[in-house]
PDB file of N, CA and C in Angstrom:
ATOM      1  N   UNK A   1      32.538   1.693 -14.756  1.00  0.00           N
ATOM      2  CA  UNK A   1      32.171   1.989 -13.381  1.00  0.00           C
ATOM      3  C   UNK A   1      31.889   3.661 -13.293  1.00  0.00           C
ATOM      4  N   UNK A   2      30.942   4.099 -12.727  1.00  0.00           N
ATOM      5  CA  UNK A   2      30.577   5.556 -12.562  1.00  0.00           C
ATOM      6  C   UNK A   2      30.756   5.702 -11.175  1.00  0.00           C
ATOM      7  N   UNK A   3      31.291   6.757 -10.697  1.00  0.00           N
ATOM      8  CA  UNK A   3      31.687   7.307  -9.192  1.00  0.00           C
ATOM      9  C   UNK A   3      30.805   8.682  -9.162  1.00  0.00           C
ATOM     10  N   UNK A   4      29.762   8.791  -8.179  1.00  0.00           N
ATOM     11  CA  UNK A   4      29.001  10.117  -8.065  1.00  0.00           C
ATOM     12  C   UNK A   4      29.522  10.659  -6.532  1.00  0.00           C
ATOM     13  N   UNK A   5      29.611  11.614  -6.511  1.00  0.00           N
ATOM     14  CA  UNK A   5      29.931  12.600  -5.410  1.00  0.00           C
ATOM     15  C   UNK A   5      28.616  12.444  -4.585  1.00  0.00           C
ATOM     16  N   UNK A   6      28.671  12.617  -3.186  1.00  0.00           N
ATOM     17  CA  UNK A   6      27.481  12.728  -2.510  1.00  0.00           C
ATOM     18  C   UNK A   6      27.399  13.966  -1.783  1.00  0.00           C
ATOM     19  N   UNK A   7      26.204  14.661  -1.772  1.00  0.00           N
ATOM     20  CA  UNK A   7      26.172  15.830  -1.131  1.00  0.00           C
ATOM     21  C   UNK A   7      26.286  15.828   0.263  1.00  0.00           C
ATOM     22  N   UNK A   8      27.092  16.869   0.786  1.00  0.00           N
ATOM     23  CA  UNK A   8      27.225  17.011   2.268  1.00  0.00           C
ATOM     24  C   UNK A   8      25.806  16.717   3.059  1.00  0.00           C
ATOM     25  N   UNK A   9      25.803  15.969   4.036  1.00  0.00           N
ATOM     26  CA  UNK A   9      24.826  15.507   4.748  1.00  0.00           C
ATOM     27  C   UNK A   9      23.897  14.635   4.307  1.00  0.00           C
ATOM     28  N   UNK A  10      24.238  13.904   3.147  1.00  0.00           N
ATOM     29  CA  UNK A  10      23.747  12.758   2.610  1.00  0.00           C
ATOM     30  C   UNK A  10      24.558  11.564   2.665  1.00  0.00           C
ATOM     31  N   UNK A  11      25.558  11.553   3.291  1.00  0.00           N
ATOM     32  CA  UNK A  11      26.562  10.430   3.466  1.00  0.00           C
ATOM     33  C   UNK A  11      25.982   9.184   3.954  1.00  0.00           C
ATOM     34  N   UNK A  12      24.843   9.416   4.844  1.00  0.00           N
ATOM     35  CA  UNK A  12      24.205   8.238   5.515  1.00  0.00           C
ATOM     36  C   UNK A  12      23.496   7.404   4.410  1.00  0.00           C
ATOM     37  N   UNK A  13      23.108   8.080   3.026  1.00  0.00           N
ATOM     38  CA  UNK A  13      22.252   7.464   2.233  1.00  0.00           C
ATOM     39  C   UNK A  13      23.095   6.520   1.466  1.00  0.00           C
ATOM     40  N   UNK A  14      24.314   6.464   1.605  1.00  0.00           N
ATOM     41  CA  UNK A  14      25.043   5.371   0.962  1.00  0.00           C
ATOM     42  C   UNK A  14      25.687   4.289   1.667  1.00  0.00           C
ATOM     43  N   UNK A  15      25.303   4.516   3.072  1.00  0.00           N
ATOM     44  CA  UNK A  15      25.525   3.264   3.830  1.00  0.00           C
ATOM     45  C   UNK A  15      24.820   1.833   3.379  1.00  0.00           C
ATOM     46  N   UNK A  16      25.185   0.762   3.564  1.00  0.00           N
ATOM     47  CA  UNK A  16      24.586  -0.404   3.230  1.00  0.00           C
ATOM     48  C   UNK A  16      23.056  -0.374   3.190  1.00  0.00           C
ATOM     49  N   UNK A  17      22.572  -0.094   4.661  1.00  0.00           N
ATOM     50  CA  UNK A  17      21.230  -0.407   5.058  1.00  0.00           C
ATOM     51  C   UNK A  17      20.357   0.537   4.194  1.00  0.00           C
ATOM     52  N   UNK A  18      20.818   1.730   4.167  1.00  0.00           N
ATOM     53  CA  UNK A  18      19.746   2.954   3.613  1.00  0.00           C
ATOM     54  C   UNK A  18      20.050   2.691   2.108  1.00  0.00           C
ATOM     55  N   UNK A  19      21.031   2.446   1.552  1.00  0.00           N
ATOM     56  CA  UNK A  19      21.146   2.257  -0.065  1.00  0.00           C
ATOM     57  C   UNK A  19      20.447   1.019  -0.418  1.00  0.00           C
ATOM     58  N   UNK A  20      20.378   0.003   0.426  1.00  0.00           N
ATOM     59  CA  UNK A  20      19.523  -1.174  -0.050  1.00  0.00           C
ATOM     60  C   UNK A  20      18.028  -0.956   0.142  1.00  0.00           C
ATOM     61  N   UNK A  21      17.716  -0.113   1.030  1.00  0.00           N
ATOM     62  CA  UNK A  21      16.293   0.405   1.120  1.00  0.00           C
ATOM     63  C   UNK A  21      15.889   1.180  -0.117  1.00  0.00           C
ATOM     64  N   UNK A  22      16.756   2.050  -0.485  1.00  0.00           N
ATOM     65  CA  UNK A  22      16.401   2.940  -1.551  1.00  0.00           C
ATOM     66  C   UNK A  22      16.440   2.032  -2.788  1.00  0.00           C
ATOM     67  N   UNK A  23      17.185   1.141  -2.950  1.00  0.00           N
ATOM     68  CA  UNK A  23      17.187   0.151  -4.174  1.00  0.00           C
ATOM     69  C   UNK A  23      16.060  -0.646  -4.236  1.00  0.00           C
ATOM     70  N   UNK A  24      15.646  -1.263  -3.120  1.00  0.00           N
ATOM     71  CA  UNK A  24      14.287  -1.924  -2.824  1.00  0.00           C
ATOM     72  C   UNK A  24      13.167  -1.182  -3.340  1.00  0.00           C
ATOM     73  N   UNK A  25      13.180   0.044  -2.916  1.00  0.00           N
ATOM     74  CA  UNK A  25      11.978   0.817  -3.145  1.00  0.00           C
ATOM     75  C   UNK A  25      11.715   1.257  -4.343  1.00  0.00           C
ATOM     76  N   UNK A  26      12.869   1.487  -5.134  1.00  0.00           N
ATOM     77  CA  UNK A  26      12.815   1.929  -6.536  1.00  0.00           C
ATOM     78  C   UNK A  26      12.931   0.831  -7.690  1.00  0.00           C
ATOM     79  N   UNK A  27      13.517  -0.097  -7.306  1.00  0.00           N
ATOM     80  CA  UNK A  27      13.832  -1.295  -8.556  1.00  0.00           C
ATOM     81  C   UNK A  27      12.989  -2.474  -8.138  1.00  0.00           C
ATOM     82  N   UNK A  28      12.702  -2.682  -6.877  1.00  0.00           N
ATOM     83  CA  UNK A  28      11.847  -3.741  -6.422  1.00  0.00           C
ATOM     84  C   UNK A  28      12.661  -4.878  -5.699  1.00  0.00           C
ATOM     85  N   UNK A  29      13.870  -5.237  -6.266  1.00  0.00           N
ATOM     86  CA  UNK A  29      14.449  -6.427  -5.928  1.00  0.00           C
ATOM     87  C   UNK A  29      16.033  -5.973  -5.527  1.00  0.00           C
ATOM     88  N   UNK A  30      16.576  -6.535  -4.587  1.00  0.00           N
ATOM     89  CA  UNK A  30      17.949  -6.237  -4.153  1.00  0.00           C
ATOM     90  C   UNK A  30      18.485  -7.540  -3.728  1.00  0.00           C
ATOM     91  N   UNK A  31      19.946  -7.730  -3.943  1.00  0.00           N
ATOM     92  CA  UNK A  31      20.517  -8.903  -3.532  1.00  0.00           C
ATOM     93  C   UNK A  31      21.880  -8.372  -2.922  1.00  0.00           C
ATOM     94  N   UNK A  32      22.628  -8.929  -2.087  1.00  0.00           N
ATOM     95  CA  UNK A  32      23.886  -8.505  -1.784  1.00  0.00           C
ATOM     96  C   UNK A  32      25.228  -9.627  -2.134  1.00  0.00           C
ATOM     97  N   UNK A  33      26.036  -9.163  -2.803  1.00  0.00           N
ATOM     98  CA  UNK A  33      27.219 -10.268  -3.233  1.00  0.00           C
ATOM     99  C   UNK A  33      28.597  -9.368  -3.160  1.00  0.00           C
ATOM    100  N   UNK A  34      29.344  -9.847  -2.331  1.00  0.00           N
ATOM    101  CA  UNK A  34      30.800  -9.405  -2.361  1.00  0.00           C
ATOM    102  C   UNK A  34      30.780  -7.812  -1.866  1.00  0.00           C
ATOM    103  N   UNK A  35      29.856  -7.224  -0.819  1.00  0.00           N
ATOM    104  CA  UNK A  35      29.784  -6.031  -0.440  1.00  0.00           C
ATOM    105  C   UNK A  35      29.204  -5.024  -1.344  1.00  0.00           C
ATOM    106  N   UNK A  36      28.585  -5.449  -2.352  1.00  0.00           N
ATOM    107  CA  UNK A  36      27.831  -4.726  -3.483  1.00  0.00           C
ATOM    108  C   UNK A  36      26.599  -5.171  -3.458  1.00  0.00           C
ATOM    109  N   UNK A  37      25.536  -4.104  -3.480  1.00  0.00           N
ATOM    110  CA  UNK A  37      23.964  -4.379  -3.650  1.00  0.00           C
ATOM    111  C   UNK A  37      23.672  -4.397  -5.281  1.00  0.00           C
ATOM    112  N   UNK A  38      23.086  -5.572  -5.673  1.00  0.00           N
ATOM    113  CA  UNK A  38      22.686  -5.927  -6.970  1.00  0.00           C
ATOM    114  C   UNK A  38      21.190  -5.825  -7.162  1.00  0.00           C
ATOM    115  N   UNK A  39      20.838  -5.348  -8.246  1.00  0.00           N
ATOM    116  CA  UNK A  39      19.488  -5.344  -8.515  1.00  0.00           C
ATOM    117  C   UNK A  39      19.244  -5.271 -10.330  1.00  0.00           C
ATOM    118  N   UNK A  40      17.943  -5.394 -10.623  1.00  0.00           N
ATOM    119  CA  UNK A  40      17.824  -5.163 -12.075  1.00  0.00           C
ATOM    120  C   UNK A  40      16.463  -4.580 -12.091  1.00  0.00           C
ATOM    121  N   UNK A  41      16.244  -3.699 -13.285  1.00  0.00           N
ATOM    122  CA  UNK A  41      14.942  -2.947 -13.433  1.00  0.00           C
ATOM    123  C   UNK A  41      14.868  -2.542 -15.086  1.00  0.00           C
ATOM    124  N   UNK A  42      13.948  -3.013 -15.771  1.00  0.00           N
ATOM    125  CA  UNK A  42      13.491  -2.476 -17.010  1.00  0.00           C
ATOM    126  C   UNK A  42      14.931  -2.865 -17.972  1.00  0.00           C
ATOM    127  N   UNK A  43      15.405  -1.857 -18.466  1.00  0.00           N
ATOM    128  CA  UNK A  43      16.496  -2.084 -19.273  1.00  0.00           C
ATOM    129  C   UNK A  43      17.899  -2.405 -18.676  1.00  0.00           C
ATOM    130  N   UNK A  44      17.841  -2.104 -17.473  1.00  0.00           N
ATOM    131  CA  UNK A  44      19.038  -2.475 -16.717  1.00  0.00           C
ATOM    132  C   UNK A  44      19.166  -3.952 -16.214  1.00  0.00           C
ATOM    133  N   UNK A  45      19.902  -4.593 -17.037  1.00  0.00           N
ATOM    134  CA  UNK A  45      20.027  -6.034 -16.736  1.00  0.00           C
ATOM    135  C   UNK A  45      20.663  -6.311 -15.528  1.00  0.00           C
ATOM    136  N   UNK A  46      21.553  -5.409 -15.026  1.00  0.00           N
ATOM    137  CA  UNK A  46      22.132  -5.411 -13.661  1.00  0.00           C
ATOM    138  C   UNK A  46      22.664  -4.178 -13.334  1.00  0.00           C
ATOM    139  N   UNK A  47      22.267  -3.792 -12.159  1.00  0.00           N
ATOM    140  CA  UNK A  47      22.890  -2.542 -11.484  1.00  0.00           C
ATOM    141  C   UNK A  47      23.588  -3.149 -10.214  1.00  0.00           C
ATOM    142  N   UNK A  48      24.681  -2.547  -9.926  1.00  0.00           N
ATOM    143  CA  UNK A  48      25.456  -2.819  -8.704  1.00  0.00           C
ATOM    144  C   UNK A  48      25.788  -1.483  -8.102  1.00  0.00           C
ATOM    145  N   UNK A  49      25.738  -1.349  -6.761  1.00  0.00           N
ATOM    146  CA  UNK A  49      26.052   0.022  -6.222  1.00  0.00           C
ATOM    147  C   UNK A  49      26.789  -0.395  -4.797  1.00  0.00           C
ATOM    148  N   UNK A  50      27.521   0.513  -4.625  1.00  0.00           N
ATOM    149  CA  UNK A  50      28.435   0.385  -3.210  1.00  0.00           C
ATOM    150  C   UNK A  50      29.009   1.642  -2.902  1.00  0.00           C
ATOM    151  N   UNK A  51      29.514   1.858  -1.813  1.00  0.00           N
ATOM    152  CA  UNK A  51      29.946   3.059  -1.104  1.00  0.00           C
ATOM    153  C   UNK A  51      31.409   2.761  -1.440  1.00  0.00           C
ATOM    154  N   UNK A  52      32.022   3.676  -2.282  1.00  0.00           N
ATOM    155  CA  UNK A  52      33.447   3.586  -2.659  1.00  0.00           C
ATOM    156  C   UNK A  52      34.323   4.479  -1.673  1.00  0.00           C
ATOM    157  N   UNK A  53      34.097   5.627  -1.221  1.00  0.00           N
ATOM    158  CA  UNK A  53      34.605   6.420  -0.136  1.00  0.00           C
ATOM    159  C   UNK A  53      33.764   6.870   0.536  1.00  0.00           C
ATOM    160  N   UNK A  54      34.285   7.779   1.509  1.00  0.00           N
ATOM    161  CA  UNK A  54      33.324   8.332   2.590  1.00  0.00           C
ATOM    162  C   UNK A  54      32.197   9.298   1.833  1.00  0.00           C
ATOM    163  N   UNK A  55      32.468   9.858   0.734  1.00  0.00           N
ATOM    164  CA  UNK A  55      31.516  10.744   0.127  1.00  0.00           C
ATOM    165  C   UNK A  55      31.452  10.400  -1.301  1.00  0.00           C
ATOM    166  N   UNK A  56      31.376   9.124  -1.582  1.00  0.00           N
ATOM    167  CA  UNK A  56      31.192   8.793  -3.048  1.00  0.00           C
ATOM    168  C   UNK A  56      30.334   7.406  -3.211  1.00  0.00           C
ATOM    169  N   UNK A  57      29.615   7.339  -4.012  1.00  0.00           N
ATOM    170  CA  UNK A  57      28.894   6.180  -4.608  1.00  0.00           C
ATOM    171  C   UNK A  57      29.329   5.631  -6.008  1.00  0.00           C
ATOM    172  N   UNK A  58      29.712   4.245  -5.892  1.00  0.00           N
ATOM    173  CA  UNK A  58      30.129   3.838  -7.202  1.00  0.00           C
ATOM    174  C   UNK A  58      28.898   3.074  -7.655  1.00  0.00           C
ATOM    175  N   UNK A  59      28.640   3.135  -9.110  1.00  0.00           N
ATOM    176  CA  UNK A  59      27.667   2.365  -9.626  1.00  0.00           C
ATOM    177  C   UNK A  59      28.086   1.722 -10.866  1.00  0.00           C
ATOM    178  N   UNK A  60      27.663   0.530 -11.039  1.00  0.00           N
ATOM    179  CA  UNK A  60      28.139  -0.404 -12.437  1.00  0.00           C
ATOM    180  C   UNK A  60      27.046  -0.739 -12.914  1.00  0.00           C
ATOM    181  N   UNK A  61      26.674  -0.587 -14.253  1.00  0.00           N
ATOM    182  CA  UNK A  61      25.466  -1.224 -14.893  1.00  0.00           C
ATOM    183  C   UNK A  61      25.761  -2.015 -16.141  1.00  0.00           C
ATOM    184  N   UNK A  62      24.735  -2.761 -16.204  1.00  0.00           N
ATOM    185  CA  UNK A  62      24.815  -3.446 -17.620  1.00  0.00           C
ATOM    186  C   UNK A  62      23.421  -3.417 -18.209  1.00  0.00           C
ATOM    187  N   UNK A  63      23.398  -2.744 -19.598  1.00  0.00           N
ATOM    188  CA  UNK A  63      22.086  -2.480 -20.060  1.00  0.00           C
ATOM    189  C   UNK A  63      21.663  -3.450 -21.291  1.00  0.00           C
ATOM    190  N   UNK A  64      20.314  -3.380 -21.501  1.00  0.00           N
ATOM    191  CA  UNK A  64      19.898  -4.166 -22.519  1.00  0.00           C
ATOM    192  C   UNK A  64      19.411  -3.104 -23.616  1.00  0.00           C
ATOM    193  N   UNK A  65      20.006  -2.958 -24.670  1.00  0.00           N
ATOM    194  CA  UNK A  65      19.577  -1.947 -25.604  1.00  0.00           C
ATOM    195  C   UNK A  65      18.315  -2.395 -26.452  1.00  0.00           C
ATOM    196  N   UNK A  66      17.997  -3.495 -26.479  1.00  0.00           N
ATOM    197  CA  UNK A  66      16.979  -3.967 -27.181  1.00  0.00           C
ATOM    198  C   UNK A  66      15.555  -3.798 -26.750  1.00  0.00           C
ATOM    199  N   UNK A  67      15.199  -3.017 -25.621  1.00  0.00           N
ATOM    200  CA  UNK A  67      14.041  -2.708 -24.928  1.00  0.00           C
ATOM    201  C   UNK A  67      13.184  -1.777 -25.702  1.00  0.00           C
ATOM    202  N   UNK A  68      11.928  -1.827 -25.633  1.00  0.00           N
ATOM    203  CA  UNK A  68      10.994  -0.617 -26.232  1.00  0.00           C
ATOM    204  C   UNK A  68      11.408   0.645 -25.489  1.00  0.00           C
ATOM    205  N   UNK A  69      10.996   1.698 -26.239  1.00  0.00           N
ATOM    206  CA  UNK A  69      11.204   2.769 -25.792  1.00  0.00           C
ATOM    207  C   UNK A  69      10.562   3.388 -24.544  1.00  0.00           C
ATOM    208  N   UNK A  70       9.405   2.870 -24.204  1.00  0.00           N
ATOM    209  CA  UNK A  70       8.708   3.226 -22.975  1.00  0.00           C
ATOM    210  C   UNK A  70       9.510   2.486 -21.875  1.00  0.00           C
ATOM    211  N   UNK A  71       9.779   1.342 -22.046  1.00  0.00           N
ATOM    212  CA  UNK A  71      10.579   0.881 -20.964  1.00  0.00           C
ATOM    213  C   UNK A  71      12.086   1.342 -20.607  1.00  0.00           C
ATOM    214  N   UNK A  72      12.594   1.832 -21.724  1.00  0.00           N
ATOM    215  CA  UNK A  72      13.908   2.763 -21.638  1.00  0.00           C
ATOM    216  C   UNK A  72      13.683   3.907 -20.918  1.00  0.00           C
ATOM    217  N   UNK A  73      12.524   4.784 -21.227  1.00  0.00           N
ATOM    218  CA  UNK A  73      12.177   5.919 -20.456  1.00  0.00           C
ATOM    219  C   UNK A  73      11.863   5.567 -18.883  1.00  0.00           C
ATOM    220  N   UNK A  74      11.210   4.591 -18.756  1.00  0.00           N
ATOM    221  CA  UNK A  74      11.001   4.081 -17.287  1.00  0.00           C
ATOM    222  C   UNK A  74      12.378   3.971 -16.582  1.00  0.00           C
ATOM    223  N   UNK A  75      13.180   3.210 -17.233  1.00  0.00           N
ATOM    224  CA  UNK A  75      14.673   2.720 -16.703  1.00  0.00           C
ATOM    225  C   UNK A  75      15.253   4.138 -16.330  1.00  0.00           C
ATOM    226  N   UNK A  76      15.370   4.990 -17.282  1.00  0.00           N
ATOM    227  CA  UNK A  76      16.125   6.354 -17.058  1.00  0.00           C
ATOM    228  C   UNK A  76      15.641   6.976 -15.863  1.00  0.00           C
ATOM    229  N   UNK A  77      14.148   6.851 -15.743  1.00  0.00           N
ATOM    230  CA  UNK A  77      13.579   7.606 -14.557  1.00  0.00           C
ATOM    231  C   UNK A  77      13.902   7.022 -13.210  1.00  0.00           C
ATOM    232  N   UNK A  78      13.893   5.851 -13.108  1.00  0.00           N
ATOM    233  CA  UNK A  78      14.051   5.039 -12.035  1.00  0.00           C
ATOM    234  C   UNK A  78      15.525   5.251 -11.686  1.00  0.00           C
ATOM    235  N   UNK A  79      16.551   5.180 -12.753  1.00  0.00           N
ATOM    236  CA  UNK A  79      17.927   5.420 -12.315  1.00  0.00           C
ATOM    237  C   UNK A  79      18.278   6.720 -11.816  1.00  0.00           C
ATOM    238  N   UNK A  80      17.683   7.771 -12.442  1.00  0.00           N
ATOM    239  CA  UNK A  80      17.806   8.973 -11.837  1.00  0.00           C
ATOM    240  C   UNK A  80      17.351   9.419 -10.444  1.00  0.00           C
ATOM    241  N   UNK A  81      16.147   8.821 -10.332  1.00  0.00           N
ATOM    242  CA  UNK A  81      15.454   8.732  -8.957  1.00  0.00           C
ATOM    243  C   UNK A  81      16.397   8.095  -7.763  1.00  0.00           C
ATOM    244  N   UNK A  82      16.935   6.932  -8.364  1.00  0.00           N
ATOM    245  CA  UNK A  82      17.902   6.284  -7.162  1.00  0.00           C
ATOM    246  C   UNK A  82      19.075   7.100  -6.980  1.00  0.00           C
ATOM    247  N   UNK A  83      19.582   7.677  -8.055  1.00  0.00           N
ATOM    248  CA  UNK A  83      20.896   8.581  -8.016  1.00  0.00           C
ATOM    249  C   UNK A  83      20.718   9.901  -7.108  1.00  0.00           C
ATOM    250  N   UNK A  84      19.494  10.411  -7.249  1.00  0.00           N
ATOM    251  CA  UNK A  84      19.228  11.453  -6.590  1.00  0.00           C
ATOM    252  C   UNK A  84      18.856  11.231  -5.007  1.00  0.00           C
ATOM    253  N   UNK A  85      18.125  10.203  -4.825  1.00  0.00           N
ATOM    254  CA  UNK A  85      17.863   9.899  -3.355  1.00  0.00           C
ATOM    255  C   UNK A  85      19.320   9.392  -2.760  1.00  0.00           C
ATOM    256  N   UNK A  86      20.295   8.696  -3.458  1.00  0.00           N
ATOM    257  CA  UNK A  86      21.536   8.402  -2.727  1.00  0.00           C
ATOM    258  C   UNK A  86      22.402   9.337  -2.647  1.00  0.00           C
ATOM    259  N   UNK A  87      22.423  10.347  -3.522  1.00  0.00           N
ATOM    260  CA  UNK A  87      23.562  11.295  -3.594  1.00  0.00           C
ATOM    261  C   UNK A  87      23.223  12.523  -3.136  1.00  0.00           C
ATOM    262  N   UNK A  88      21.900  12.874  -3.323  1.00  0.00           N
ATOM    263  CA  UNK A  88      21.338  14.370  -2.850  1.00  0.00           C
ATOM    264  C   UNK A  88      21.447  15.357  -4.041  1.00  0.00           C
ATOM    265  N   UNK A  89      21.874  14.902  -5.264  1.00  0.00           N
ATOM    266  CA  UNK A  89      22.130  15.818  -6.442  1.00  0.00           C
ATOM    267  C   UNK A  89      21.259  15.423  -7.319  1.00  0.00           C
ATOM    268  N   UNK A  90      20.405  16.183  -8.092  1.00  0.00           N
ATOM    269  CA  UNK A  90      19.487  16.012  -9.378  1.00  0.00           C
ATOM    270  C   UNK A  90      20.291  15.571 -10.517  1.00  0.00           C
ATOM    271  N   UNK A  91      19.914  15.018 -11.331  1.00  0.00           N
ATOM    272  CA  UNK A  91      20.499  14.804 -12.822  1.00  0.00           C
ATOM    273  C   UNK A  91      21.126  16.138 -13.377  1.00  0.00           C
ATOM    274  N   UNK A  92      20.454  16.999 -13.289  1.00  0.00           N
ATOM    275  CA  UNK A  92      21.032  18.411 -13.857  1.00  0.00           C
ATOM    276  C   UNK A  92      22.482  18.888 -13.131  1.00  0.00           C
ATOM    277  N   UNK A  93      22.212  18.668 -11.687  1.00  0.00           N
ATOM    278  CA  UNK A  93      23.446  19.028 -10.762  1.00  0.00           C
ATOM    279  C   UNK A  93      24.526  18.146 -11.078  1.00  0.00           C
ATOM    280  N   UNK A  94      24.199  16.831 -11.149  1.00  0.00           N
ATOM    281  CA  UNK A  94      25.070  15.676 -11.693  1.00  0.00           C
ATOM    282  C   UNK A  94      25.995  16.100 -12.841  1.00  0.00           C
ATOM    283  N   UNK A  95      25.127  16.543 -13.771  1.00  0.00           N
ATOM    284  CA  UNK A  95      25.802  16.920 -15.007  1.00  0.00           C
ATOM    285  C   UNK A  95      26.723  17.795 -15.008  1.00  0.00           C
ATOM    286  N   UNK A  96      26.168  18.955 -14.391  1.00  0.00           N
ATOM    287  CA  UNK A  96      27.278  20.317 -14.143  1.00  0.00           C
ATOM    288  C   UNK A  96      28.304  20.011 -13.555  1.00  0.00           C
ATOM    289  N   UNK A  97      28.326  18.988 -12.411  1.00  0.00           N
ATOM    290  CA  UNK A  97      29.319  18.629 -11.717  1.00  0.00           C
ATOM    291  C   UNK A  97      30.364  17.919 -12.561  1.00  0.00           C
ATOM    292  N   UNK A  98      29.957  16.971 -13.496  1.00  0.00           N
ATOM    293  CA  UNK A  98      30.655  16.113 -14.453  1.00  0.00           C
ATOM    294  C   UNK A  98      31.550  17.055 -15.521  1.00  0.00           C
ATOM    295  N   UNK A  99      30.716  18.084 -15.862  1.00  0.00           N
ATOM    296  CA  UNK A  99      31.228  19.244 -16.776  1.00  0.00           C
ATOM    297  C   UNK A  99      32.335  19.841 -16.294  1.00  0.00           C
ATOM    298  N   UNK A 100      32.082  20.299 -15.053  1.00  0.00           N
ATOM    299  CA  UNK A 100      33.125  21.061 -14.432  1.00  0.00           C
ATOM    300  C   UNK A 100      34.377  20.286 -14.378  1.00  0.00           C
ATOM    301  N   UNK A 101      34.358  19.041 -13.916  1.00  0.00           N
ATOM    302  CA  UNK A 101      35.352  18.128 -13.640  1.00  0.00           C
ATOM    303  C   UNK A 101      36.128  17.955 -14.938  1.00  0.00           C
ATOM    304  N   UNK A 102      35.420  17.660 -15.978  1.00  0.00           N
ATOM    305  CA  UNK A 102      36.130  17.559 -17.224  1.00  0.00           C
ATOM    306  C   UNK A 102      36.702  18.637 -17.743  1.00  0.00           C
ATOM    307  N   UNK A 103      36.051  19.992 -17.456  1.00  0.00           N
ATOM    308  CA  UNK A 103      36.799  20.993 -17.965  1.00  0.00           C
ATOM    309  C   UNK A 103      38.150  21.326 -17.066  1.00  0.00           C
ATOM    310  N   UNK A 104      38.090  21.061 -15.749  1.00  0.00           N
ATOM    311  CA  UNK A 104      39.211  21.439 -14.857  1.00  0.00           C
ATOM    312  C   UNK A 104      40.254  20.071 -15.153  1.00  0.00           C
ATOM    313  N   UNK A 105      39.921  19.009 -15.996  1.00  0.00           N
ATOM    314  CA  UNK A 105      40.882  18.143 -16.343  1.00  0.00           C
ATOM    315  C   UNK A 105      40.814  17.026 -15.289  1.00  0.00           C
ATOM    316  N   UNK A 106      39.841  16.951 -14.271  1.00  0.00           N
ATOM    317  CA  UNK A 106      39.793  15.826 -13.227  1.00  0.00           C
ATOM    318  C   UNK A 106      39.135  14.578 -13.326  1.00  0.00           C
ATOM    319  N   UNK A 107      38.417  14.725 -14.642  1.00  0.00           N
ATOM    320  CA  UNK A 107      37.862  13.485 -14.992  1.00  0.00           C
ATOM    321  C   UNK A 107      38.555  12.419 -15.649  1.00  0.00           C
TER     322      UNK A 107
END
């Protein structure tokens, strides 16, 4: 499970209704089970997302490593788009934050 910080002012994006709308738009299908939103897309056999804290998004994924390269690229692009819309941080910003946490020993 990965946990992503949510940018200040974007907390409403991890509320269940908004999160479901983002997943529906990007991945095309969404189901709700046990308080988590589930979907699948391309190489993502399953992606589940939920609000873990007030300002954090938890995401769990199951991947299919046997897909073609073009499907893998589409999957990565869709996943990053989803995370950017939900958290307010770009992939580059999320990477920098993760590196800083690792350097500070908080990861």
